[in-house]
Protein backbone atom coordinates (compact mmCIF):
# COMPACT_ATOMS: atom_id res chain seq x y z
CA MET A 1 54.29 105.06 196.90
CA SER A 2 53.39 101.70 195.16
CA ASP A 3 51.56 100.07 197.71
CA LEU A 4 49.92 102.92 199.19
CA PHE A 5 46.42 101.93 197.80
CA ASP A 6 47.47 98.25 199.59
CA LYS A 7 47.91 99.81 202.72
CA ILE A 8 45.12 102.48 202.42
CA PRO A 9 42.42 101.64 199.67
CA ASN A 10 40.92 105.16 198.84
CA ASN A 11 39.15 107.14 196.28
CA VAL A 12 40.28 110.47 197.31
CA ALA A 13 43.67 110.89 195.58
CA LEU A 14 45.56 110.16 198.17
CA SER A 15 48.40 108.93 195.97
CA SER A 16 48.46 112.46 194.64
CA ASP A 17 48.58 114.14 198.19
CA LYS A 18 51.77 113.82 199.46
CA LYS A 19 51.21 115.82 202.47
CA LEU A 20 48.34 114.00 203.48
CA GLN A 21 49.71 110.72 202.60
CA LYS A 22 52.54 111.50 205.05
CA ALA A 23 50.54 112.41 207.59
CA LEU A 24 47.94 109.11 207.63
CA LEU A 25 50.95 106.86 207.14
CA GLU A 26 52.61 108.26 210.36
CA TRP A 27 49.01 107.87 211.91
CA GLN A 28 48.64 104.02 210.52
CA PRO A 29 51.41 102.55 212.90
CA ASN A 30 49.69 104.34 216.05
CA PHE A 31 46.30 103.15 214.77
CA ILE A 32 47.52 99.45 214.48
CA ALA A 33 49.20 99.70 217.94
CA TRP A 34 45.90 100.69 219.39
CA TRP A 35 44.30 97.94 217.79
CA HIS A 36 46.46 95.36 219.07
CA GLU A 37 46.04 96.92 222.25
CA MET A 38 42.35 97.51 222.57
CA GLY A 39 40.95 95.13 219.72
CA PRO A 40 39.17 92.00 219.98
CA ASP A 41 41.48 90.51 222.29
CA GLY A 42 42.72 86.91 221.63
CA PHE A 43 41.75 87.07 217.91
CA GLN A 44 44.39 89.05 216.17
CA GLU A 45 46.13 85.97 214.43
CA ASP A 46 42.86 84.01 213.24
CA ARG A 47 41.51 84.31 209.72
CA ILE A 48 37.94 85.68 209.78
CA TYR A 49 35.30 85.78 206.65
CA LEU A 50 35.28 89.49 206.19
CA ARG A 51 33.64 91.81 203.99
CA THR A 52 36.30 94.49 202.90
CA ALA A 53 35.45 98.04 200.98
CA VAL A 54 38.14 98.30 198.23
CA SER A 55 35.97 100.79 196.17
CA VAL A 56 32.92 102.99 195.79
CA GLU A 57 31.72 100.68 192.42
CA GLU A 58 28.88 98.44 192.77
CA GLY A 59 29.95 95.53 194.33
CA GLY A 60 33.60 97.22 195.29
CA TRP A 61 32.57 97.86 199.37
CA ALA A 62 31.44 94.10 199.74
CA HIS A 63 34.62 92.16 198.73
CA PHE A 64 34.39 88.67 201.01
CA ASP A 65 37.59 87.00 201.87
CA TYR A 66 39.29 85.42 204.91
CA VAL A 67 42.00 87.84 206.52
CA LYS A 68 43.35 88.56 209.86
CA MET A 69 41.81 91.73 211.42
CA PRO A 70 45.18 93.62 211.47
CA ASP A 71 45.80 93.14 208.15
CA TYR A 72 42.22 94.51 207.12
CA ARG A 73 42.24 97.06 204.25
CA TRP A 74 41.32 100.10 206.36
CA GLY A 75 40.20 102.45 203.66
CA ILE A 76 38.94 106.02 203.12
CA PHE A 77 35.88 106.29 200.78
CA LEU A 78 33.68 109.09 199.58
CA ALA A 79 30.48 108.77 197.90
CA PRO A 80 30.70 110.37 194.32
CA PRO A 81 30.22 113.93 194.54
CA GLY A 82 26.65 114.88 193.44
CA LYS A 83 26.21 117.15 190.13
CA GLU A 84 26.41 120.52 191.17
CA ARG A 85 25.16 119.69 195.07
CA ARG A 86 23.85 122.56 196.69
CA ILE A 87 22.94 123.15 200.23
CA GLY A 88 19.84 121.96 201.05
CA PHE A 89 18.45 123.58 204.37
CA GLY A 90 19.04 126.55 206.77
CA ASP A 91 20.24 130.22 206.19
CA HIS A 92 22.44 129.05 203.06
CA LEU A 93 19.80 127.06 201.54
CA GLY A 94 20.39 126.93 197.53
CA ASP A 95 24.23 128.05 198.28
CA ALA A 96 26.71 125.74 196.62
CA VAL A 97 28.23 123.38 199.20
CA TRP A 98 31.54 123.67 200.49
CA ASN A 99 34.64 121.62 199.65
CA GLU A 100 36.83 123.62 202.05
CA VAL A 101 35.92 124.52 205.83
CA PRO A 102 34.35 128.13 205.78
CA GLY A 103 36.75 129.97 208.66
CA GLU A 104 33.86 130.83 210.87
CA LEU A 105 32.43 127.30 211.07
CA ARG A 106 35.86 125.60 211.69
CA LYS A 107 35.29 125.14 215.40
CA GLU A 108 31.97 123.72 214.91
CA LEU A 109 32.83 121.28 212.22
CA ARG A 110 35.59 120.11 213.95
CA ARG A 111 33.28 119.45 217.21
CA ILE A 112 30.93 117.30 215.14
CA ILE A 113 33.70 115.57 213.48
CA VAL A 114 35.73 114.70 216.57
CA THR A 115 32.19 113.69 218.56
CA GLN A 116 31.38 111.01 215.59
CA ALA A 117 35.13 110.06 215.38
CA ASP A 118 35.29 109.27 219.14
CA THR A 119 32.34 106.90 219.44
CA GLU A 120 33.87 104.46 216.67
CA PRO A 121 36.99 103.29 218.42
CA ALA A 122 35.04 103.53 221.91
CA SER A 123 32.54 100.69 220.67
CA VAL A 124 35.72 98.32 219.60
CA GLU A 125 36.86 98.95 223.11
CA GLN A 126 33.51 98.29 225.06
CA GLN A 127 33.44 94.89 222.82
CA ARG A 128 36.82 93.80 223.10
CA TYR A 129 36.29 90.67 225.20
CA LEU A 130 33.17 89.49 223.70
CA GLY A 131 34.72 87.08 220.89
CA LYS A 132 35.47 84.72 224.04
CA THR A 133 32.02 84.12 224.66
CA ALA A 134 30.60 83.95 221.08
CA PRO A 135 27.35 81.75 220.96
CA SER A 136 28.04 80.73 217.24
CA LEU A 137 31.07 81.14 214.60
CA TYR A 138 28.22 83.07 212.45
CA ASP A 139 27.90 85.50 215.57
CA LEU A 140 31.53 85.66 216.20
CA ARG A 141 32.07 86.81 212.53
CA ASN A 142 29.65 89.35 212.73
CA LEU A 143 30.93 90.88 216.13
CA PHE A 144 34.53 91.17 213.92
CA GLN A 145 32.87 92.75 210.97
CA VAL A 146 31.19 95.26 213.18
CA ASN A 147 34.76 96.14 214.74
CA VAL A 148 36.40 96.32 211.59
CA GLU A 149 34.02 99.00 209.96
CA GLU A 150 34.04 100.71 213.14
CA GLY A 151 37.75 100.87 212.58
CA ARG A 152 37.47 102.00 209.25
CA HIS A 153 34.93 104.47 209.67
CA LEU A 154 37.46 106.06 212.51
CA TRP A 155 39.73 106.16 209.28
CA ALA A 156 37.18 108.35 207.27
CA MET A 157 37.06 110.91 210.13
CA VAL A 158 40.89 111.45 210.94
CA TYR A 159 41.01 111.92 206.89
CA LEU A 160 38.87 114.67 207.28
CA LEU A 161 40.64 115.79 210.28
CA HIS A 162 44.23 115.33 208.82
CA GLN A 163 42.85 117.09 205.19
CA PHE A 164 41.13 119.93 206.53
CA PHE A 165 42.03 121.08 210.02
CA GLY A 166 45.92 121.30 209.82
CA LYS A 167 47.80 120.81 213.15
CA ASP A 168 44.63 120.75 215.11
CA GLY A 169 43.20 118.11 213.14
CA ARG A 170 46.53 116.03 213.68
CA ASP A 171 46.33 116.79 217.57
CA GLU A 172 42.56 115.50 217.50
CA ALA A 173 43.38 112.06 215.61
CA GLU A 174 45.93 111.45 218.27
CA GLU A 175 43.56 112.05 220.80
CA LEU A 176 41.14 109.62 219.46
CA LEU A 177 43.86 106.56 219.89
CA LEU A 178 44.43 107.98 223.66
CA ARG A 179 40.90 107.93 225.07
CA ARG A 180 39.52 104.84 226.20
CA SER A 181 36.03 103.51 226.99
CA GLY A 182 35.19 103.88 230.46
CA HIS A 183 38.68 105.20 231.80
CA ALA A 184 38.41 107.22 234.96
CA ASP A 185 40.86 110.02 233.82
CA SER A 186 40.12 110.11 230.07
CA PRO A 187 36.80 108.33 229.04
CA ARG A 188 35.27 108.35 225.77
CA ILE A 189 33.24 111.98 224.77
CA LEU A 190 29.57 110.32 225.19
CA THR A 191 28.25 108.26 228.02
CA ALA A 192 26.69 105.55 226.37
CA PHE A 193 30.43 104.68 224.66
CA ASN A 194 31.68 104.35 228.39
CA LYS A 195 29.49 101.65 229.40
CA PRO A 196 30.58 98.32 229.83
CA ILE A 197 29.66 95.52 227.20
CA GLU A 198 30.27 92.19 229.07
CA ASP A 199 27.77 89.72 227.73
CA TRP A 200 26.17 89.27 224.02
CA LEU A 201 22.65 90.36 225.12
CA SER A 202 24.36 94.08 225.92
CA PHE A 203 26.00 93.80 222.69
CA PHE A 204 22.60 92.88 220.44
CA CYS A 205 21.22 95.85 222.37
CA PHE A 206 24.16 98.25 221.99
CA SER A 207 24.02 97.20 218.24
CA MET A 208 20.15 97.72 217.87
CA PHE A 209 19.66 101.07 219.88
CA THR A 210 23.02 102.71 220.05
CA ASP A 211 24.36 102.12 216.77
CA ARG A 212 20.76 102.89 215.36
CA ASP A 213 21.71 106.45 216.77
CA GLY A 214 24.52 106.40 214.59
CA LYS A 215 22.35 105.67 211.88
CA PHE A 216 20.57 108.71 212.27
CA GLN A 217 23.39 111.03 212.96
CA LEU A 218 25.23 109.86 209.90
CA ALA A 219 22.19 110.33 208.16
CA SER A 220 21.67 114.07 209.14
CA LEU A 221 25.47 114.77 208.53
CA ALA A 222 25.01 113.27 205.18
CA GLU A 223 22.98 116.23 204.46
CA SER A 224 26.01 118.50 205.37
CA GLY A 225 26.89 121.67 203.58
CA PHE A 226 30.44 120.44 203.85
CA ASP A 227 30.87 118.27 200.95
CA PRO A 228 33.50 115.86 201.85
CA LEU A 229 31.86 115.40 205.41
CA ALA A 230 28.26 114.68 203.45
CA ARG A 231 30.20 112.22 201.35
CA THR A 232 31.93 110.31 203.77
CA THR A 233 29.10 109.81 206.03
CA GLN A 234 26.84 108.63 203.06
CA PHE A 235 29.25 105.91 202.43
CA MET A 236 29.68 105.15 206.12
CA LEU A 237 25.65 104.17 206.10
CA THR A 238 26.02 101.47 203.65
CA GLU A 239 28.23 99.65 206.33
CA GLU A 240 26.24 100.72 209.29
CA ALA A 241 23.23 98.86 207.89
CA HIS A 242 24.98 95.60 208.91
CA HIS A 243 25.68 96.37 212.34
CA LEU A 244 22.20 97.30 212.84
CA PHE A 245 20.84 94.05 211.14
CA VAL A 246 23.31 92.21 213.65
CA GLY A 247 21.38 93.77 216.72
CA GLU A 248 17.93 93.85 215.61
CA THR A 249 18.19 89.84 214.43
CA GLY A 250 20.07 89.06 217.44
CA ILE A 251 17.47 90.28 219.65
CA GLY A 252 15.07 88.67 217.52
CA ARG A 253 16.82 85.33 217.61
CA VAL A 254 16.85 85.80 221.36
CA VAL A 255 13.20 86.37 221.91
CA ASP A 256 12.53 83.45 219.31
CA ARG A 257 14.61 80.82 221.62
CA THR A 258 12.92 82.28 224.43
CA ALA A 259 9.58 81.73 223.16
CA GLU A 260 10.27 78.27 222.00
CA LEU A 261 11.52 77.32 225.68
CA MET A 262 8.72 78.81 227.28
CA ARG A 263 6.25 76.97 225.19
CA SER A 264 8.53 73.69 225.80
CA ALA A 265 8.97 74.36 229.84
CA PRO A 266 6.15 72.87 231.89
CA ASP A 267 5.88 76.12 234.24
CA GLY A 268 7.56 78.23 231.58
CA ASP A 269 10.74 78.78 233.42
CA VAL A 270 13.26 79.20 230.61
CA THR A 271 16.05 79.04 232.71
CA ARG A 272 15.82 75.48 233.23
CA ALA A 273 17.09 75.09 229.81
CA PHE A 274 19.49 78.10 229.79
CA GLY A 275 17.51 80.57 228.31
CA ILE A 276 16.92 84.15 229.12
CA PRO A 277 13.37 85.33 230.48
CA LEU A 278 11.58 87.90 228.55
CA ASP A 279 11.54 90.03 231.59
CA VAL A 280 15.17 90.18 231.51
CA VAL A 281 15.45 91.04 227.77
CA GLN A 282 13.04 93.99 228.56
CA LYS A 283 14.98 95.14 231.40
CA TYR A 284 18.03 95.06 229.00
CA ILE A 285 16.00 96.75 226.44
CA ASN A 286 14.97 99.79 229.08
CA LEU A 287 18.70 100.06 229.78
CA TRP A 288 20.32 100.66 226.14
CA TYR A 289 17.09 102.31 224.59
CA SER A 290 16.90 104.98 227.31
CA ALA A 291 21.18 105.59 227.23
CA SER A 292 20.88 105.80 223.25
CA LEU A 293 18.25 108.57 223.87
CA ASP A 294 20.52 110.75 225.59
CA LEU A 295 23.04 110.46 222.69
CA PHE A 296 20.41 112.99 220.67
CA GLY A 297 21.21 115.74 223.03
CA SER A 298 18.42 118.32 224.40
CA GLU A 299 15.08 118.53 223.30
CA ASP A 300 15.38 121.98 223.20
CA SER A 301 18.93 122.76 221.98
CA SER A 302 20.66 126.09 220.76
CA ASN A 303 23.54 123.88 219.35
CA ALA A 304 21.01 121.92 217.23
CA ALA A 305 19.52 125.12 216.03
CA ALA A 306 23.18 126.71 215.14
CA TYR A 307 23.81 123.59 213.26
CA PHE A 308 20.91 123.40 211.24
CA ALA A 309 21.43 127.49 210.31
CA GLN A 310 24.73 127.15 209.68
CA GLY A 311 24.01 123.96 206.86
CA LEU A 312 26.11 121.75 209.02
CA LYS A 313 23.52 119.16 210.08
CA GLY A 314 20.15 118.76 208.42
CA ARG A 315 17.17 116.39 209.48
CA PHE A 316 16.69 113.00 208.46
CA LYS A 317 16.43 112.58 204.73
CA GLU A 318 16.17 116.44 204.31
CA SER A 319 16.96 116.23 200.67
CA THR A 320 14.58 113.48 199.90
CA SER A 321 11.87 113.60 202.29
CA LYS A 322 8.34 114.26 201.01
CA ASP A 323 7.62 114.89 204.69
CA ILE A 324 9.56 117.96 204.54
CA ALA A 325 8.26 121.09 202.63
CA ASP A 326 10.05 123.63 204.80
CA HIS A 327 13.88 123.67 204.83
CA VAL A 328 14.55 127.01 206.67
CA ALA A 329 12.43 126.05 209.81
CA LEU A 330 12.36 129.75 210.72
CA GLU A 331 8.52 129.33 211.28
CA GLY A 332 6.43 126.49 213.54
CA SER A 333 7.48 124.79 216.44
CA TYR A 334 7.46 121.15 217.79
CA ALA A 335 5.20 120.17 220.78
CA VAL A 336 7.04 118.45 224.02
CA GLU A 337 5.60 117.68 227.28
CA VAL A 338 8.02 119.52 230.22
CA PRO A 339 7.93 118.55 233.59
CA GLN A 340 6.86 120.86 236.31
CA ALA A 341 6.74 120.74 240.04
CA GLY A 342 5.30 117.70 241.69
CA GLY A 343 5.86 115.67 238.31
CA ALA A 344 3.00 117.10 236.31
CA LEU A 345 3.77 117.50 232.78
CA ALA A 346 2.41 120.74 230.59
CA ARG A 347 2.76 121.49 226.89
CA GLN A 348 5.52 123.57 225.50
CA ASP A 349 6.08 124.50 222.18
CA ILE A 350 9.91 124.75 221.01
CA PRO A 351 10.83 126.90 218.04
CA LEU A 352 11.31 124.38 214.99
CA ARG A 353 15.12 124.99 214.94
CA ARG A 354 15.89 124.43 218.54
CA ALA A 355 13.93 121.11 218.35
CA MET A 356 16.27 119.50 215.66
CA ASN A 357 17.57 116.96 217.98
CA LEU A 358 13.76 115.93 219.09
CA ILE A 359 12.74 116.02 215.43
CA LEU A 360 15.76 113.34 214.57
CA ARG A 361 14.90 111.37 218.21
CA ASP A 362 11.33 110.98 217.06
CA ARG A 363 12.41 109.64 213.59
CA TYR A 364 14.69 107.29 215.65
CA ILE A 365 11.97 105.91 218.20
CA GLU A 366 9.57 105.11 214.91
CA ASP A 367 12.18 102.91 213.63
CA CYS A 368 12.83 101.36 216.92
CA GLU A 369 9.14 100.56 217.10
CA ARG A 370 9.12 98.78 213.76
CA ALA A 371 11.83 96.34 215.18
CA LEU A 372 9.70 95.96 218.21
CA GLY A 373 6.74 94.91 216.02
CA ARG A 374 8.93 92.17 214.37
CA TRP A 375 9.89 90.74 217.63
CA ASN A 376 6.52 90.81 219.23
CA LYS A 377 5.22 88.90 215.93
CA THR A 378 7.66 86.30 216.95
CA LEU A 379 6.05 86.14 220.11
CA GLU A 380 2.41 85.88 218.49
CA ASN A 381 3.38 83.49 216.39
CA ARG A 382 4.84 81.12 219.03
CA GLY A 383 1.23 81.39 220.63
CA LEU A 384 2.50 83.65 223.75
CA SER A 385 0.46 86.74 224.81
CA GLU A 386 3.47 88.36 226.33
CA ARG A 387 5.05 91.74 224.40
CA LEU A 388 8.12 93.62 224.57
CA ARG A 389 7.64 97.55 224.74
CA LEU A 390 10.04 100.57 224.40
CA PRO A 391 9.88 102.28 227.75
CA SER A 392 8.78 106.04 227.88
CA GLN A 393 11.26 108.69 226.42
CA ARG A 394 11.13 109.84 230.03
CA PHE A 395 12.15 107.02 231.72
CA ASN A 396 15.99 106.84 232.85
CA ARG A 397 17.32 109.74 231.48
CA GLU A 398 20.80 111.29 231.89
CA ILE A 399 20.02 114.28 229.39
CA GLY A 400 17.47 116.73 228.48
CA LEU A 401 14.15 117.70 230.03
CA TYR A 402 13.93 114.28 232.13
CA ALA A 403 17.41 114.07 233.06
CA GLY A 404 17.10 112.41 236.79
CA LEU A 405 13.45 112.52 237.13
CA PRO A 406 11.74 109.63 238.32
CA PHE A 407 9.49 108.20 235.64
CA ALA A 408 8.53 104.85 235.14
CA PRO A 409 8.84 102.74 231.72
CA ASP A 410 5.25 103.53 231.37
CA GLY A 411 5.77 107.28 231.58
CA SER A 412 4.21 107.93 234.66
CA LEU A 413 5.85 109.08 237.94
CA LEU A 414 7.56 106.14 239.95
CA THR A 415 5.97 104.34 242.63
CA SER A 416 8.75 102.11 242.84
CA ARG A 417 12.50 102.17 242.57
CA ARG A 418 13.65 102.95 239.13
CA ASP A 419 16.20 100.04 239.40
CA ASP A 420 13.15 97.36 239.40
CA PHE A 421 12.87 97.90 235.51
CA LEU A 422 16.87 97.72 234.92
CA PRO A 423 18.95 94.93 235.22
CA THR A 424 19.63 93.65 238.61
CA GLU A 425 23.41 92.26 239.59
CA GLU A 426 21.64 88.83 239.56
CA ASP A 427 19.93 89.66 235.99
CA ARG A 428 23.68 90.20 234.84
CA ALA A 429 25.35 87.36 236.73
CA TYR A 430 22.68 85.05 235.18
CA VAL A 431 23.15 86.14 231.79
CA GLN A 432 26.86 86.24 231.89
CA SER A 433 26.65 82.55 233.33
CA LEU A 434 25.15 81.55 229.97
CA MET A 435 27.89 83.05 227.94
CA GLY A 436 30.33 80.23 226.91
CA PRO A 437 31.76 80.06 223.55
CA VAL A 438 30.12 77.54 220.77
CA TYR A 439 32.71 77.42 218.25
CA GLU A 440 31.40 74.17 216.05
CA PRO A 441 30.21 75.30 212.86
CA GLY A 442 26.57 75.31 212.90
CA SER A 443 26.31 75.06 216.33
CA PHE A 444 24.36 77.88 218.39
CA ALA A 445 24.25 78.27 222.12
CA SER A 446 21.17 77.47 224.04
CA TRP A 447 19.76 80.95 224.67
CA ILE A 448 19.78 81.83 221.27
CA GLY A 449 18.31 80.46 217.91
CA PRO A 450 19.96 80.17 214.50
CA PRO A 451 19.64 82.86 212.10
CA THR A 452 17.61 82.13 208.74
CA LYS A 453 20.58 82.34 206.81
CA GLY A 454 24.21 82.47 206.59
CA ILE A 455 26.43 85.73 205.40
CA ASN A 456 26.85 86.18 201.61
CA GLY A 457 24.85 83.09 200.69
CA GLN A 458 27.09 80.91 203.01
CA PRO A 459 25.38 77.74 204.91
CA LEU A 460 24.91 78.43 208.31
CA GLU A 461 27.86 75.37 208.85
CA PHE A 462 30.23 77.79 207.02
CA PRO A 463 33.37 77.93 208.65
CA TYR A 464 33.19 81.76 209.37
CA VAL A 465 36.54 81.82 211.42
CA HIS A 466 39.88 79.69 210.78
CA PHE A 467 41.32 79.63 214.29
CA GLY A 468 44.76 79.81 214.39
CA ALA A 469 47.56 77.83 216.89
CA ARG A 470 45.28 77.47 220.14
């Protein structure tokens, strides 16, 4: 098929695999139908300045041009195979990696792939209406870049399902297009991906915290002994970095603008100038950070132990980190504070393999703390004493040791309502009242500062979106 690469750019030899080619070309119209139904609402005919992956060669994954989103080149890319790569952890340490699914691990691998795949269309659905209230063309373009790359990541996971899991994989691929974020009867698999994202502060928090969970999950899968999964997620990580950039710098720009308004307002009331108060920003952080912690699963997990033992999912940078010396992890333990009757906490040592979720989560927390440090440096540079904080990992949890327990953001037992530390209806209504579209090139909404530079070396005044008939 001469135009196959134009339809599905890839480095998986798709043109020589007639069976896979037929399956994906049959899946493609269903995907495009889903995109039109659940993708960015009202912008399908506009031309967006997007980065498109066309190959795994240097520069090939970052080709910039104007494109209509439905015409985006949804590709399938695997990082180049490592020379004689071997499994780097667990019971299969030192064995050659698998290029086919081991029969005894078929169910576990399919579950891992489907769970990861389900997050990709879910986030597009959550963000469907945000374009109508974008604070600038720069931000509008970044939103759409995130959306199309989540779509491409879905393609990457669907490729694995079609290529390696037969009819079961094809059925799972269809189900990915049938579930809907927040739907009462057919919701997305993970709770955080069913939460509504109705304003841009939520979007920035989602990109900062929830997509950052994705970074750590993908990095752990990039260590997998199933080589096609490892190579697929390695390439996905190159694009995921932009999503984290959007979230981290987006919140940073909100903080900078709020700090500027606090310095100029006689009474520090930023709402007079249509800014977002720091205490509201803090509540949004509390909400999305705690929801994202739940994505790591239980602190003590037999599934995590099994995935590590089987060579399916390693630790963050398992193969390259100098901090990891023991790649078998049969000895040692990880300490955690376990709630007791009456709310007291007692130390408990979890066997190392069973603590793999917790180990991954702790690396995530370190990464989040780094971003908090940058935002607080902004407040310091503006001459303010206020600081933002990550809530305790015990606060507002729905999964794990602390699920449903009354802990405050500082980790102590609550003496007031938990909802006092989360966005109220009034907070949400105020933030949403600020959400008006700003489509003039180089202009930004009152509640957010400009970025330090444009995308791909372009000026801030660059027309990142060419609107069609409006």
